[in-house]
């Protein structure tokens, strides 16, 4: 069984920006933050906790049908911020300040399609790009310290041109991502 997500990786310039920010945050707050893997910053649409390896090809085929109806579109990432759950810090992320409506609609389309292959699919709650993750023992004061070190007002523009199907393996040092397929928007072309 595999853990997979459907997402769009950011372009190389934005990957480099996210990596620099991530390194800087972990350098100053390494006791409470975990870095994301290099070159892995992405918008997540949906997550599949268990999918049999033999169904990956079916998933790529099904997603290709959906992405064919979509044309590439621009997104803008907002300033980094701390996201909390039940008052406790969970992530440092950048929300989408432009393109969020399109991403939400694409997420809905992809989710409807992917559920035909995997009914237990989970959908991303709000479009965002994760920049770092808080460790489990992090407190509210840790969140405040990280939040005060985040730069404000810097936004990044990117373009959603493809959807990637990515295997995610959890390891003690963090997740390891392997691209299982990529489907360009507005085409019949899928690569696996």
Protein backbone atom coordinates (compact mmCIF):
# COMPACT_ATOMS: atom_id res chain seq x y z
CA UNK A 1 0.00 0.00 0.00
CA UNK A 2 1.15 3.54 -0.76
CA UNK A 3 0.52 6.99 0.71
CA UNK A 4 -0.06 9.48 -2.10
CA UNK A 5 -0.99 13.08 -2.61
CA UNK A 6 -2.20 15.05 -5.60
CA UNK A 7 -0.51 18.42 -5.86
CA UNK A 8 1.41 20.92 -7.93
CA UNK A 9 5.08 21.56 -7.21
CA UNK A 10 6.20 25.19 -7.34
CA UNK A 11 8.52 26.46 -10.06
CA UNK A 12 12.32 26.36 -9.50
CA UNK A 13 12.61 30.02 -8.42
CA UNK A 14 9.89 29.58 -5.80
CA UNK A 15 11.39 26.25 -4.69
CA UNK A 16 14.68 28.05 -4.08
CA UNK A 17 12.88 30.82 -2.15
CA UNK A 18 11.04 28.28 0.03
CA UNK A 19 14.23 26.32 0.66
CA UNK A 20 16.12 29.46 1.79
CA UNK A 21 13.24 30.46 4.08
CA UNK A 22 12.95 26.93 5.46
CA UNK A 23 16.69 26.72 6.20
CA UNK A 24 16.63 30.09 7.93
CA UNK A 25 13.61 29.18 10.07
CA UNK A 26 15.06 25.81 11.09
CA UNK A 27 18.43 27.46 11.84
CA UNK A 28 16.75 29.77 14.38
CA UNK A 29 13.92 27.48 15.57
CA UNK A 30 15.24 23.96 14.95
CA UNK A 31 14.12 22.80 18.37
CA UNK A 32 10.46 23.31 17.35
CA UNK A 33 10.46 23.20 13.52
CA UNK A 34 11.14 20.44 11.00
CA UNK A 35 12.21 21.34 7.49
CA UNK A 36 10.34 20.15 4.42
CA UNK A 37 12.40 18.17 1.89
CA UNK A 38 14.38 20.34 -0.54
CA UNK A 39 12.59 21.07 -3.84
CA UNK A 40 9.29 19.74 -2.50
CA UNK A 41 7.23 22.91 -1.90
CA UNK A 42 3.81 22.30 -3.43
CA UNK A 43 0.11 23.05 -3.34
CA UNK A 44 -1.71 19.98 -2.03
CA UNK A 45 -5.13 19.17 -3.46
CA UNK A 46 -5.88 15.79 -1.93
CA UNK A 47 -4.26 13.01 0.08
CA UNK A 48 -4.78 9.25 -0.19
CA UNK A 49 -3.61 7.42 2.94
CA UNK A 50 -3.59 3.95 1.35
CA UNK A 51 -3.66 2.95 -2.31
CA UNK A 52 -2.56 -0.37 -3.71
CA UNK A 53 0.42 0.02 -6.07
CA UNK A 54 -1.51 -1.64 -8.90
CA UNK A 55 -4.05 1.24 -8.88
CA UNK A 56 -1.55 4.06 -9.51
CA UNK A 57 -1.92 3.71 -13.30
CA UNK A 58 -5.72 3.84 -12.96
CA UNK A 59 -5.39 6.99 -10.86
CA UNK A 60 -3.14 8.66 -13.47
CA UNK A 61 -5.64 7.77 -16.22
CA UNK A 62 -8.61 9.09 -14.23
CA UNK A 63 -6.83 12.32 -13.26
CA UNK A 64 -5.84 12.85 -16.92
CA UNK A 65 -9.54 12.98 -17.84
CA UNK A 66 -10.11 15.74 -15.28
CA UNK A 67 -7.02 17.86 -15.99
CA UNK A 68 -7.78 17.87 -19.72
CA UNK A 69 -10.70 20.25 -18.98
CA UNK A 70 -8.44 22.76 -17.19
CA UNK A 71 -6.14 25.44 -18.57
CA UNK A 72 -3.03 26.64 -16.73
CA UNK A 73 -3.65 29.52 -14.31
CA UNK A 74 -1.64 31.85 -12.11
CA UNK A 75 -1.48 31.78 -8.32
CA UNK A 76 0.07 34.16 -5.85
CA UNK A 77 1.46 33.01 -2.53
CA UNK A 78 1.00 35.36 0.40
CA UNK A 79 3.36 36.08 3.27
CA UNK A 80 4.42 33.12 5.42
CA UNK A 81 2.37 32.59 8.57
CA UNK A 82 1.92 30.14 11.44
CA UNK A 83 -1.12 27.87 11.23
CA UNK A 84 -2.58 26.51 14.45
CA UNK A 85 -4.94 23.64 15.15
CA UNK A 86 -6.82 23.62 18.47
CA UNK A 87 -4.62 26.55 19.47
CA UNK A 88 -1.38 24.63 19.00
CA UNK A 89 1.11 25.40 16.20
CA UNK A 90 1.13 22.96 13.28
CA UNK A 91 2.65 24.55 10.16
CA UNK A 92 4.39 27.53 8.69
CA UNK A 93 2.69 28.08 5.37
CA UNK A 94 1.86 30.58 2.67
CA UNK A 95 -1.80 30.92 1.72
CA UNK A 96 -2.91 31.61 -1.82
CA UNK A 97 -3.91 35.26 -2.10
CA UNK A 98 -4.74 34.92 -5.78
CA UNK A 99 -5.91 31.79 -7.56
CA UNK A 100 -7.45 30.22 -4.44
CA UNK A 101 -10.88 29.95 -6.09
CA UNK A 102 -9.43 28.15 -9.10
CA UNK A 103 -7.38 25.84 -6.85
CA UNK A 104 -10.49 25.04 -4.79
CA UNK A 105 -12.45 24.19 -7.94
CA UNK A 106 -9.57 22.09 -9.30
CA UNK A 107 -9.34 20.33 -5.92
CA UNK A 108 -13.06 19.51 -6.05
CA UNK A 109 -12.74 18.13 -9.60
CA UNK A 110 -9.66 16.07 -8.77
CA UNK A 111 -11.23 14.76 -5.56
CA UNK A 112 -14.41 13.64 -7.30
CA UNK A 113 -12.33 11.81 -9.89
CA UNK A 114 -9.84 10.30 -7.41
CA UNK A 115 -12.64 8.98 -5.19
CA UNK A 116 -13.61 6.63 -8.03
CA UNK A 117 -10.23 4.94 -7.45
CA UNK A 118 -9.85 5.53 -3.69
CA UNK A 119 -12.99 6.30 -1.64
CA UNK A 120 -10.96 7.20 1.51
CA UNK A 121 -9.38 10.27 -0.09
CA UNK A 122 -8.92 13.36 2.11
CA UNK A 123 -9.15 16.82 0.57
CA UNK A 124 -6.88 19.71 1.52
CA UNK A 125 -8.88 22.11 3.73
CA UNK A 126 -7.56 25.38 2.36
CA UNK A 127 -5.14 25.95 -0.51
CA UNK A 128 -1.65 26.66 0.85
CA UNK A 129 2.03 25.80 0.54
CA UNK A 130 3.67 24.25 3.61
CA UNK A 131 7.06 25.79 4.37
CA UNK A 132 7.90 24.02 7.66
CA UNK A 133 6.21 21.81 10.24
CA UNK A 134 6.14 22.25 14.00
CA UNK A 135 7.32 19.37 16.15
CA UNK A 136 4.70 17.73 18.36
CA UNK A 137 5.96 19.26 21.61
CA UNK A 138 5.66 22.87 20.28
CA UNK A 139 3.81 25.40 22.39
CA UNK A 140 1.90 28.63 21.80
CA UNK A 141 4.97 30.63 22.82
CA UNK A 142 7.02 28.70 20.22
CA UNK A 143 4.45 29.72 17.62
CA UNK A 144 4.78 33.36 18.69
CA UNK A 145 8.58 33.22 18.45
CA UNK A 146 8.44 31.72 14.94
CA UNK A 147 5.72 34.14 13.87
CA UNK A 148 7.75 37.16 14.96
CA UNK A 149 10.67 36.00 12.80
CA UNK A 150 8.62 35.70 9.61
CA UNK A 151 8.99 38.43 7.01
CA UNK A 152 5.79 40.12 5.92
CA UNK A 153 4.68 41.59 2.63
CA UNK A 154 6.62 39.33 0.28
CA UNK A 155 4.41 37.48 -2.17
CA UNK A 156 5.44 35.03 -4.87
CA UNK A 157 3.71 34.36 -8.20
CA UNK A 158 3.59 30.87 -9.69
CA UNK A 159 1.60 29.03 -12.33
CA UNK A 160 -0.43 25.83 -12.00
CA UNK A 161 0.36 23.99 -15.23
CA UNK A 162 0.31 20.34 -14.11
CA UNK A 163 -0.86 18.01 -11.38
CA UNK A 164 1.61 15.58 -9.87
CA UNK A 165 0.75 12.27 -8.22
CA UNK A 166 3.34 11.82 -5.49
CA UNK A 167 4.12 8.90 -3.18
CA UNK A 168 4.94 10.01 0.36
CA UNK A 169 6.96 7.74 2.64
CA UNK A 170 7.35 8.86 6.25
CA UNK A 171 10.81 8.39 7.72
CA UNK A 172 12.36 9.47 11.05
CA UNK A 173 14.06 12.38 9.26
CA UNK A 174 10.87 13.48 7.48
CA UNK A 175 8.83 12.56 4.41
CA UNK A 176 10.43 11.29 1.21
CA UNK A 177 8.52 12.16 -1.97
CA UNK A 178 8.56 10.22 -5.25
CA UNK A 179 6.68 11.50 -8.29
CA UNK A 180 4.52 8.68 -9.65
CA UNK A 181 2.90 10.64 -12.45
CA UNK A 182 2.47 14.13 -13.86
CA UNK A 183 -0.45 15.37 -15.95
CA UNK A 184 -0.34 18.73 -17.71
CA UNK A 185 -3.47 20.85 -17.55
CA UNK A 186 -5.36 21.25 -20.80
CA UNK A 187 -3.82 18.22 -22.54
CA UNK A 188 -4.26 14.49 -22.83
CA UNK A 189 -0.62 13.99 -21.90
CA UNK A 190 0.20 12.08 -18.75
CA UNK A 191 3.63 10.83 -17.85
CA UNK A 192 4.35 8.18 -15.28
